[in-house]
Amino acid sequence: MRIWVTLHKHNRIIARTDANSPLEDPASALMECLEQVYKDLDLAEPVWVSKHARELSAFGRTKFFPADFLEPVKFDYMEVEYISENEK
């Protein structure tokens, strides 16, 4: 699994990173990728609710807003996008 994450402020990308995981289980692979992203971007883990899982499953992307984080953040939203293994 591979994900692409961007942080947005005032309609501009202020930071971006990607992460991948060789794990077979999609849930475990996603969690491993997200942990890599949080470390790379020096972020606290946001609250993951069913809305995020539904959006990622249906559309291949989801957004986290400042209210989804327990600590203050300096961006308007964080977008997480699933990257298909077929894309290069």
PDB file of N, CA and C in Angstrom:
ATOM      1  N   MET A   1       0.847  -1.182   0.000  1.00  0.00           N
ATOM      2  CA  MET A   1       0.000   0.000   0.000  1.00  0.00           C
ATOM      3  C   MET A   1       0.889   1.241   0.000  1.00  0.00           C
ATOM      4  N   ARG A   2       0.402   2.249  -0.680  1.00  0.00           N
ATOM      5  CA  ARG A   2       1.126   3.523  -0.724  1.00  0.00           C
ATOM      6  C   ARG A   2       0.122   4.657  -0.566  1.00  0.00           C
ATOM      7  N   ILE A   3       0.496   5.672   0.231  1.00  0.00           N
ATOM      8  CA  ILE A   3      -0.354   6.846   0.399  1.00  0.00           C
ATOM      9  C   ILE A   3       0.452   8.113   0.150  1.00  0.00           C
ATOM     10  N   TRP A   4      -0.256   9.146  -0.208  1.00  0.00           N
ATOM     11  CA  TRP A   4       0.314  10.479  -0.456  1.00  0.00           C
ATOM     12  C   TRP A   4      -0.421  11.422   0.473  1.00  0.00           C
ATOM     13  N   VAL A   5       0.305  12.238   1.212  1.00  0.00           N
ATOM     14  CA  VAL A   5      -0.304  13.151   2.188  1.00  0.00           C
ATOM     15  C   VAL A   5       0.178  14.572   1.928  1.00  0.00           C
ATOM     16  N   THR A   6      -0.773  15.506   1.915  1.00  0.00           N
ATOM     17  CA  THR A   6      -0.437  16.917   1.732  1.00  0.00           C
ATOM     18  C   THR A   6      -1.083  17.743   2.835  1.00  0.00           C
ATOM     19  N   LEU A   7      -0.366  18.759   3.266  1.00  0.00           N
ATOM     20  CA  LEU A   7      -0.907  19.724   4.224  1.00  0.00           C
ATOM     21  C   LEU A   7      -1.209  21.003   3.455  1.00  0.00           C
ATOM     22  N   HIS A   8      -2.405  21.556   3.683  1.00  0.00           N
ATOM     23  CA  HIS A   8      -2.858  22.732   2.935  1.00  0.00           C
ATOM     24  C   HIS A   8      -3.131  23.901   3.875  1.00  0.00           C
ATOM     25  N   LYS A   9      -2.748  25.093   3.438  1.00  0.00           N
ATOM     26  CA  LYS A   9      -3.056  26.324   4.166  1.00  0.00           C
ATOM     27  C   LYS A   9      -3.322  27.408   3.129  1.00  0.00           C
ATOM     28  N   HIS A  10      -4.456  28.069   3.253  1.00  0.00           N
ATOM     29  CA  HIS A  10      -4.853  29.125   2.310  1.00  0.00           C
ATOM     30  C   HIS A  10      -4.769  28.638   0.861  1.00  0.00           C
ATOM     31  N   ASN A  11      -5.302  27.424   0.616  1.00  0.00           N
ATOM     32  CA  ASN A  11      -5.370  26.828  -0.725  1.00  0.00           C
ATOM     33  C   ASN A  11      -4.007  26.569  -1.367  1.00  0.00           C
ATOM     34  N   ARG A  12      -2.983  26.417  -0.546  1.00  0.00           N
ATOM     35  CA  ARG A  12      -1.642  26.079  -1.041  1.00  0.00           C
ATOM     36  C   ARG A  12      -1.115  24.877  -0.273  1.00  0.00           C
ATOM     37  N   ILE A  13      -0.345  24.074  -0.951  1.00  0.00           N
ATOM     38  CA  ILE A  13       0.306  22.946  -0.291  1.00  0.00           C
ATOM     39  C   ILE A  13       1.526  23.479   0.439  1.00  0.00           C
ATOM     40  N   ILE A  14       1.571  23.249   1.750  1.00  0.00           N
ATOM     41  CA  ILE A  14       2.705  23.731   2.541  1.00  0.00           C
ATOM     42  C   ILE A  14       3.675  22.614   2.917  1.00  0.00           C
ATOM     43  N   ALA A  15       3.212  21.368   2.812  1.00  0.00           N
ATOM     44  CA  ALA A  15       4.086  20.221   3.082  1.00  0.00           C
ATOM     45  C   ALA A  15       3.468  18.999   2.412  1.00  0.00           C
ATOM     46  N   ARG A  16       4.323  18.058   2.065  1.00  0.00           N
ATOM     47  CA  ARG A  16       3.825  16.834   1.455  1.00  0.00           C
ATOM     48  C   ARG A  16       4.816  15.711   1.699  1.00  0.00           C
ATOM     49  N   THR A  17       4.291  14.523   1.707  1.00  0.00           N
ATOM     50  CA  THR A  17       5.129  13.338   1.865  1.00  0.00           C
ATOM     51  C   THR A  17       4.340  12.128   1.395  1.00  0.00           C
ATOM     52  N   ASP A  18       5.036  11.040   1.206  1.00  0.00           N
ATOM     53  CA  ASP A  18       4.358   9.793   0.888  1.00  0.00           C
ATOM     54  C   ASP A  18       4.934   8.705   1.784  1.00  0.00           C
ATOM     55  N   ALA A  19       4.224   7.598   1.836  1.00  0.00           N
ATOM     56  CA  ALA A  19       4.669   6.470   2.651  1.00  0.00           C
ATOM     57  C   ALA A  19       4.163   5.191   2.003  1.00  0.00           C
ATOM     58  N   ASN A  20       4.882   4.113   2.229  1.00  0.00           N
ATOM     59  CA  ASN A  20       4.414   2.832   1.712  1.00  0.00           C
ATOM     60  C   ASN A  20       4.652   1.746   2.735  1.00  0.00           C
ATOM     61  N   SER A  21       3.916   0.653   2.540  1.00  0.00           N
ATOM     62  CA  SER A  21       4.026  -0.473   3.456  1.00  0.00           C
ATOM     63  C   SER A  21       3.903  -1.767   2.661  1.00  0.00           C
ATOM     64  N   PRO A  22       4.755  -2.738   2.971  1.00  0.00           N
ATOM     65  CA  PRO A  22       4.670  -4.029   2.278  1.00  0.00           C
ATOM     66  C   PRO A  22       3.654  -4.992   2.906  1.00  0.00           C
ATOM     67  N   LEU A  23       3.023  -4.589   4.000  1.00  0.00           N
ATOM     68  CA  LEU A  23       2.096  -5.485   4.693  1.00  0.00           C
ATOM     69  C   LEU A  23       0.915  -5.853   3.806  1.00  0.00           C
ATOM     70  N   GLU A  24       0.443  -7.086   3.920  1.00  0.00           N
ATOM     71  CA  GLU A  24      -0.673  -7.581   3.109  1.00  0.00           C
ATOM     72  C   GLU A  24      -2.024  -7.090   3.620  1.00  0.00           C
ATOM     73  N   ASP A  25      -2.199  -7.017   4.932  1.00  0.00           N
ATOM     74  CA  ASP A  25      -3.469  -6.586   5.518  1.00  0.00           C
ATOM     75  C   ASP A  25      -3.649  -5.088   5.282  1.00  0.00           C
ATOM     76  N   PRO A  26      -4.723  -4.673   4.563  1.00  0.00           N
ATOM     77  CA  PRO A  26      -4.901  -3.255   4.240  1.00  0.00           C
ATOM     78  C   PRO A  26      -4.967  -2.336   5.462  1.00  0.00           C
ATOM     79  N   ALA A  27      -5.646  -2.763   6.511  1.00  0.00           N
ATOM     80  CA  ALA A  27      -5.769  -1.926   7.712  1.00  0.00           C
ATOM     81  C   ALA A  27      -4.408  -1.735   8.382  1.00  0.00           C
ATOM     82  N   SER A  28      -3.647  -2.799   8.503  1.00  0.00           N
ATOM     83  CA  SER A  28      -2.315  -2.719   9.115  1.00  0.00           C
ATOM     84  C   SER A  28      -1.369  -1.897   8.249  1.00  0.00           C
ATOM     85  N   ALA A  29      -1.464  -2.076   6.937  1.00  0.00           N
ATOM     86  CA  ALA A  29      -0.614  -1.318   6.020  1.00  0.00           C
ATOM     87  C   ALA A  29      -0.929   0.175   6.105  1.00  0.00           C
ATOM     88  N   LEU A  30      -2.214   0.512   6.162  1.00  0.00           N
ATOM     89  CA  LEU A  30      -2.605   1.914   6.271  1.00  0.00           C
ATOM     90  C   LEU A  30      -2.077   2.524   7.561  1.00  0.00           C
ATOM     91  N   MET A  31      -2.224   1.821   8.667  1.00  0.00           N
ATOM     92  CA  MET A  31      -1.744   2.345   9.947  1.00  0.00           C
ATOM     93  C   MET A  31      -0.228   2.529   9.932  1.00  0.00           C
ATOM     94  N   GLU A  32       0.496   1.595   9.329  1.00  0.00           N
ATOM     95  CA  GLU A  32       1.954   1.729   9.227  1.00  0.00           C
ATOM     96  C   GLU A  32       2.327   2.954   8.384  1.00  0.00           C
ATOM     97  N   CYS A  33       1.630   3.143   7.264  1.00  0.00           N
ATOM     98  CA  CYS A  33       1.882   4.314   6.405  1.00  0.00           C
ATOM     99  C   CYS A  33       1.593   5.609   7.147  1.00  0.00           C
ATOM    100  N   LEU A  34       0.469   5.661   7.842  1.00  0.00           N
ATOM    101  CA  LEU A  34       0.103   6.877   8.574  1.00  0.00           C
ATOM    102  C   LEU A  34       1.115   7.194   9.666  1.00  0.00           C
ATOM    103  N   GLU A  35       1.612   6.179  10.354  1.00  0.00           N
ATOM    104  CA  GLU A  35       2.633   6.417  11.383  1.00  0.00           C
ATOM    105  C   GLU A  35       3.896   7.024  10.770  1.00  0.00           C
ATOM    106  N   GLN A  36       4.277   6.554   9.581  1.00  0.00           N
ATOM    107  CA  GLN A  36       5.432   7.122   8.881  1.00  0.00           C
ATOM    108  C   GLN A  36       5.189   8.599   8.560  1.00  0.00           C
ATOM    109  N   VAL A  37       3.987   8.897   8.099  1.00  0.00           N
ATOM    110  CA  VAL A  37       3.627  10.272   7.729  1.00  0.00           C
ATOM    111  C   VAL A  37       3.659  11.182   8.941  1.00  0.00           C
ATOM    112  N   TYR A  38       3.059  10.745  10.040  1.00  0.00           N
ATOM    113  CA  TYR A  38       3.037  11.579  11.252  1.00  0.00           C
ATOM    114  C   TYR A  38       4.454  11.892  11.708  1.00  0.00           C
ATOM    115  N   LYS A  39       5.330  10.909  11.598  1.00  0.00           N
ATOM    116  CA  LYS A  39       6.722  11.114  12.000  1.00  0.00           C
ATOM    117  C   LYS A  39       7.423  12.083  11.033  1.00  0.00           C
ATOM    118  N   ASP A  40       7.234  11.864   9.732  1.00  0.00           N
ATOM    119  CA  ASP A  40       7.870  12.732   8.720  1.00  0.00           C
ATOM    120  C   ASP A  40       7.428  14.183   8.846  1.00  0.00           C
ATOM    121  N   LEU A  41       6.136  14.400   9.110  1.00  0.00           N
ATOM    122  CA  LEU A  41       5.591  15.756   9.167  1.00  0.00           C
ATOM    123  C   LEU A  41       5.540  16.325  10.587  1.00  0.00           C
ATOM    124  N   ASP A  42       6.028  15.557  11.561  1.00  0.00           N
ATOM    125  CA  ASP A  42       6.033  15.967  12.965  1.00  0.00           C
ATOM    126  C   ASP A  42       4.629  16.369  13.427  1.00  0.00           C
ATOM    127  N   LEU A  43       3.695  15.442  13.245  1.00  0.00           N
ATOM    128  CA  LEU A  43       2.295  15.663  13.618  1.00  0.00           C
ATOM    129  C   LEU A  43       1.855  14.687  14.685  1.00  0.00           C
ATOM    130  N   ALA A  44       0.910  15.136  15.495  1.00  0.00           N
ATOM    131  CA  ALA A  44       0.250  14.226  16.412  1.00  0.00           C
ATOM    132  C   ALA A  44      -0.779  13.440  15.600  1.00  0.00           C
ATOM    133  N   GLU A  45      -1.113  12.258  16.056  1.00  0.00           N
ATOM    134  CA  GLU A  45      -2.091  11.435  15.352  1.00  0.00           C
ATOM    135  C   GLU A  45      -3.482  12.049  15.463  1.00  0.00           C
ATOM    136  N   PRO A  46      -4.178  12.229  14.338  1.00  0.00           N
ATOM    137  CA  PRO A  46      -5.534  12.779  14.410  1.00  0.00           C
ATOM    138  C   PRO A  46      -6.528  11.715  14.855  1.00  0.00           C
ATOM    139  N   VAL A  47      -7.716  12.154  15.188  1.00  0.00           N
ATOM    140  CA  VAL A  47      -8.783  11.226  15.540  1.00  0.00           C
ATOM    141  C   VAL A  47      -9.315  10.618  14.247  1.00  0.00           C
ATOM    142  N   TRP A  48      -9.310   9.307  14.168  1.00  0.00           N
ATOM    143  CA  TRP A  48      -9.778   8.594  12.981  1.00  0.00           C
ATOM    144  C   TRP A  48     -11.210   8.161  13.246  1.00  0.00           C
ATOM    145  N   VAL A  49     -12.148   8.652  12.469  1.00  0.00           N
ATOM    146  CA  VAL A  49     -13.565   8.292  12.638  1.00  0.00           C
ATOM    147  C   VAL A  49     -14.044   7.585  11.381  1.00  0.00           C
ATOM    148  N   SER A  50     -15.231   7.012  11.448  1.00  0.00           N
ATOM    149  CA  SER A  50     -15.757   6.218  10.338  1.00  0.00           C
ATOM    150  C   SER A  50     -15.862   7.025   9.043  1.00  0.00           C
ATOM    151  N   LYS A  51     -16.085   8.327   9.151  1.00  0.00           N
ATOM    152  CA  LYS A  51     -16.149   9.203   7.977  1.00  0.00           C
ATOM    153  C   LYS A  51     -14.869   9.089   7.153  1.00  0.00           C
ATOM    154  N   HIS A  52     -13.726   9.083   7.817  1.00  0.00           N
ATOM    155  CA  HIS A  52     -12.447   9.001   7.118  1.00  0.00           C
ATOM    156  C   HIS A  52     -12.307   7.655   6.406  1.00  0.00           C
ATOM    157  N   ALA A  53     -12.684   6.589   7.066  1.00  0.00           N
ATOM    158  CA  ALA A  53     -12.595   5.253   6.471  1.00  0.00           C
ATOM    159  C   ALA A  53     -13.524   5.136   5.266  1.00  0.00           C
ATOM    160  N   ARG A  54     -14.746   5.661   5.392  1.00  0.00           N
ATOM    161  CA  ARG A  54     -15.707   5.619   4.279  1.00  0.00           C
ATOM    162  C   ARG A  54     -15.190   6.395   3.071  1.00  0.00           C
ATOM    163  N   GLU A  55     -14.679   7.596   3.304  1.00  0.00           N
ATOM    164  CA  GLU A  55     -14.175   8.419   2.204  1.00  0.00           C
ATOM    165  C   GLU A  55     -12.969   7.773   1.524  1.00  0.00           C
ATOM    166  N   LEU A  56     -12.053   7.243   2.314  1.00  0.00           N
ATOM    167  CA  LEU A  56     -10.865   6.610   1.750  1.00  0.00           C
ATOM    168  C   LEU A  56     -11.258   5.383   0.928  1.00  0.00           C
ATOM    169  N   SER A  57     -12.221   4.622   1.419  1.00  0.00           N
ATOM    170  CA  SER A  57     -12.685   3.438   0.712  1.00  0.00           C
ATOM    171  C   SER A  57     -13.436   3.797  -0.567  1.00  0.00           C
ATOM    172  N   ALA A  58     -14.317   4.779  -0.493  1.00  0.00           N
ATOM    173  CA  ALA A  58     -15.159   5.135  -1.635  1.00  0.00           C
ATOM    174  C   ALA A  58     -14.433   5.985  -2.679  1.00  0.00           C
ATOM    175  N   PHE A  59     -13.629   6.939  -2.229  1.00  0.00           N
ATOM    176  CA  PHE A  59     -13.035   7.914  -3.141  1.00  0.00           C
ATOM    177  C   PHE A  59     -11.514   7.829  -3.259  1.00  0.00           C
ATOM    178  N   GLY A  60     -10.875   7.038  -2.404  1.00  0.00           N
ATOM    179  CA  GLY A  60      -9.415   6.939  -2.435  1.00  0.00           C
ATOM    180  C   GLY A  60      -8.719   8.103  -1.766  1.00  0.00           C
ATOM    181  N   ARG A  61      -9.480   8.944  -1.059  1.00  0.00           N
ATOM    182  CA  ARG A  61      -8.895  10.093  -0.347  1.00  0.00           C
ATOM    183  C   ARG A  61      -9.820  10.530   0.782  1.00  0.00           C
ATOM    184  N   THR A  62      -9.232  11.220   1.744  1.00  0.00           N
ATOM    185  CA  THR A  62     -10.003  11.791   2.848  1.00  0.00           C
ATOM    186  C   THR A  62      -9.257  13.012   3.374  1.00  0.00           C
ATOM    187  N   LYS A  63      -9.977  13.857   4.094  1.00  0.00           N
ATOM    188  CA  LYS A  63      -9.390  15.073   4.667  1.00  0.00           C
ATOM    189  C   LYS A  63      -9.537  15.060   6.179  1.00  0.00           C
ATOM    190  N   PHE A  64      -8.500  15.568   6.838  1.00  0.00           N
ATOM    191  CA  PHE A  64      -8.514  15.791   8.279  1.00  0.00           C
ATOM    192  C   PHE A  64      -8.415  17.288   8.507  1.00  0.00           C
ATOM    193  N   PHE A  65      -9.308  17.821   9.305  1.00  0.00           N
ATOM    194  CA  PHE A  65      -9.330  19.251   9.615  1.00  0.00           C
ATOM    195  C   PHE A  65      -8.744  19.481  11.000  1.00  0.00           C
ATOM    196  N   PRO A  66      -8.411  20.724  11.367  1.00  0.00           N
ATOM    197  CA  PRO A  66      -7.825  20.982  12.687  1.00  0.00           C
ATOM    198  C   PRO A  66      -8.638  20.401  13.851  1.00  0.00           C
ATOM    199  N   ALA A  67      -9.943  20.346  13.718  1.00  0.00           N
ATOM    200  CA  ALA A  67     -10.783  19.785  14.787  1.00  0.00           C
ATOM    201  C   ALA A  67     -10.544  18.284  14.978  1.00  0.00           C
ATOM    202  N   ASP A  68      -9.952  17.625  13.992  1.00  0.00           N
ATOM    203  CA  ASP A  68      -9.659  16.195  14.091  1.00  0.00           C
ATOM    204  C   ASP A  68      -8.387  15.910  14.886  1.00  0.00           C
ATOM    205  N   PHE A  69      -7.653  16.955  15.241  1.00  0.00           N
ATOM    206  CA  PHE A  69      -6.406  16.805  15.990  1.00  0.00           C
ATOM    207  C   PHE A  69      -6.606  17.277  17.427  1.00  0.00           C
ATOM    208  N   LEU A  70      -5.975  16.585  18.363  1.00  0.00           N
ATOM    209  CA  LEU A  70      -6.079  16.975  19.770  1.00  0.00           C
ATOM    210  C   LEU A  70      -5.129  18.115  20.109  1.00  0.00           C
ATOM    211  N   GLU A  71      -4.091  18.292  19.294  1.00  0.00           N
ATOM    212  CA  GLU A  71      -3.128  19.379  19.491  1.00  0.00           C
ATOM    213  C   GLU A  71      -3.328  20.419  18.397  1.00  0.00           C
ATOM    214  N   PRO A  72      -2.972  21.671  18.647  1.00  0.00           N
ATOM    215  CA  PRO A  72      -3.113  22.700  17.605  1.00  0.00           C
ATOM    216  C   PRO A  72      -2.237  22.380  16.392  1.00  0.00           C
ATOM    217  N   VAL A  73      -2.735  22.702  15.207  1.00  0.00           N
ATOM    218  CA  VAL A  73      -1.977  22.509  13.971  1.00  0.00           C
ATOM    219  C   VAL A  73      -1.923  23.828  13.216  1.00  0.00           C
ATOM    220  N   LYS A  74      -0.949  23.943  12.318  1.00  0.00           N
ATOM    221  CA  LYS A  74      -0.761  25.194  11.585  1.00  0.00           C
ATOM    222  C   LYS A  74      -1.127  25.042  10.113  1.00  0.00           C
ATOM    223  N   PHE A  75      -2.202  24.327   9.836  1.00  0.00           N
ATOM    224  CA  PHE A  75      -2.679  24.170   8.469  1.00  0.00           C
ATOM    225  C   PHE A  75      -4.200  24.096   8.489  1.00  0.00           C
ATOM    226  N   ASP A  76      -4.795  24.274   7.303  1.00  0.00           N
ATOM    227  CA  ASP A  76      -6.258  24.266   7.185  1.00  0.00           C
ATOM    228  C   ASP A  76      -6.815  22.854   7.097  1.00  0.00           C
ATOM    229  N   TYR A  77      -6.094  21.964   6.411  1.00  0.00           N
ATOM    230  CA  TYR A  77      -6.499  20.562   6.377  1.00  0.00           C
ATOM    231  C   TYR A  77      -5.345  19.691   5.888  1.00  0.00           C
ATOM    232  N   MET A  78      -5.442  18.405   6.213  1.00  0.00           N
ATOM    233  CA  MET A  78      -4.490  17.398   5.763  1.00  0.00           C
ATOM    234  C   MET A  78      -5.254  16.437   4.871  1.00  0.00           C
ATOM    235  N   GLU A  79      -4.756  16.225   3.666  1.00  0.00           N
ATOM    236  CA  GLU A  79      -5.411  15.298   2.750  1.00  0.00           C
ATOM    237  C   GLU A  79      -4.579  14.030   2.629  1.00  0.00           C
ATOM    238  N   VAL A  80      -5.237  12.894   2.769  1.00  0.00           N
ATOM    239  CA  VAL A  80      -4.603  11.591   2.631  1.00  0.00           C
ATOM    240  C   VAL A  80      -5.191  10.943   1.387  1.00  0.00           C
ATOM    241  N   GLU A  81      -4.317  10.522   0.476  1.00  0.00           N
ATOM    242  CA  GLU A  81      -4.771   9.927  -0.780  1.00  0.00           C
ATOM    243  C   GLU A  81      -4.105   8.569  -0.978  1.00  0.00           C
ATOM    244  N   TYR A  82      -4.920   7.577  -1.300  1.00  0.00           N
ATOM    245  CA  TYR A  82      -4.421   6.246  -1.601  1.00  0.00           C
ATOM    246  C   TYR A  82      -3.853   6.258  -3.019  1.00  0.00           C
ATOM    247  N   ILE A  83      -2.662   5.691  -3.212  1.00  0.00           N
ATOM    248  CA  ILE A  83      -2.056   5.613  -4.524  1.00  0.00           C
ATOM    249  C   ILE A  83      -2.103   4.158  -4.965  1.00  0.00           C
ATOM    250  N   SER A  84      -2.714   3.935  -6.105  1.00  0.00           N
ATOM    251  CA  SER A  84      -2.829   2.576  -6.644  1.00  0.00           C
ATOM    252  C   SER A  84      -1.456   2.001  -6.923  1.00  0.00           C
ATOM    253  N   GLU A  85      -1.296   0.713  -6.716  1.00  0.00           N
ATOM    254  CA  GLU A  85      -0.020   0.057  -6.972  1.00  0.00           C
ATOM    255  C   GLU A  85       0.320   0.100  -8.450  1.00  0.00           C
ATOM    256  N   ASN A  86      -0.676   0.287  -9.321  1.00  0.00           N
ATOM    257  CA  ASN A  86      -0.440   0.319 -10.765  1.00  0.00           C
ATOM    258  C   ASN A  86       0.109   1.655 -11.233  1.00  0.00           C
ATOM    259  N   GLU A  87      -0.039   2.727 -10.399  1.00  0.00           N
ATOM    260  CA  GLU A  87       0.437   4.046 -10.782  1.00  0.00           C
ATOM    261  C   GLU A  87       1.921   4.169 -10.480  1.00  0.00           C
ATOM    262  N   LYS A  88       2.642   4.870 -11.296  1.00  0.00           N
ATOM    263  CA  LYS A  88       4.066   5.093 -11.079  1.00  0.00           C
ATOM    264  C   LYS A  88       4.344   6.547 -10.962  1.00  0.00           C
TER     265      LYS A  88
END
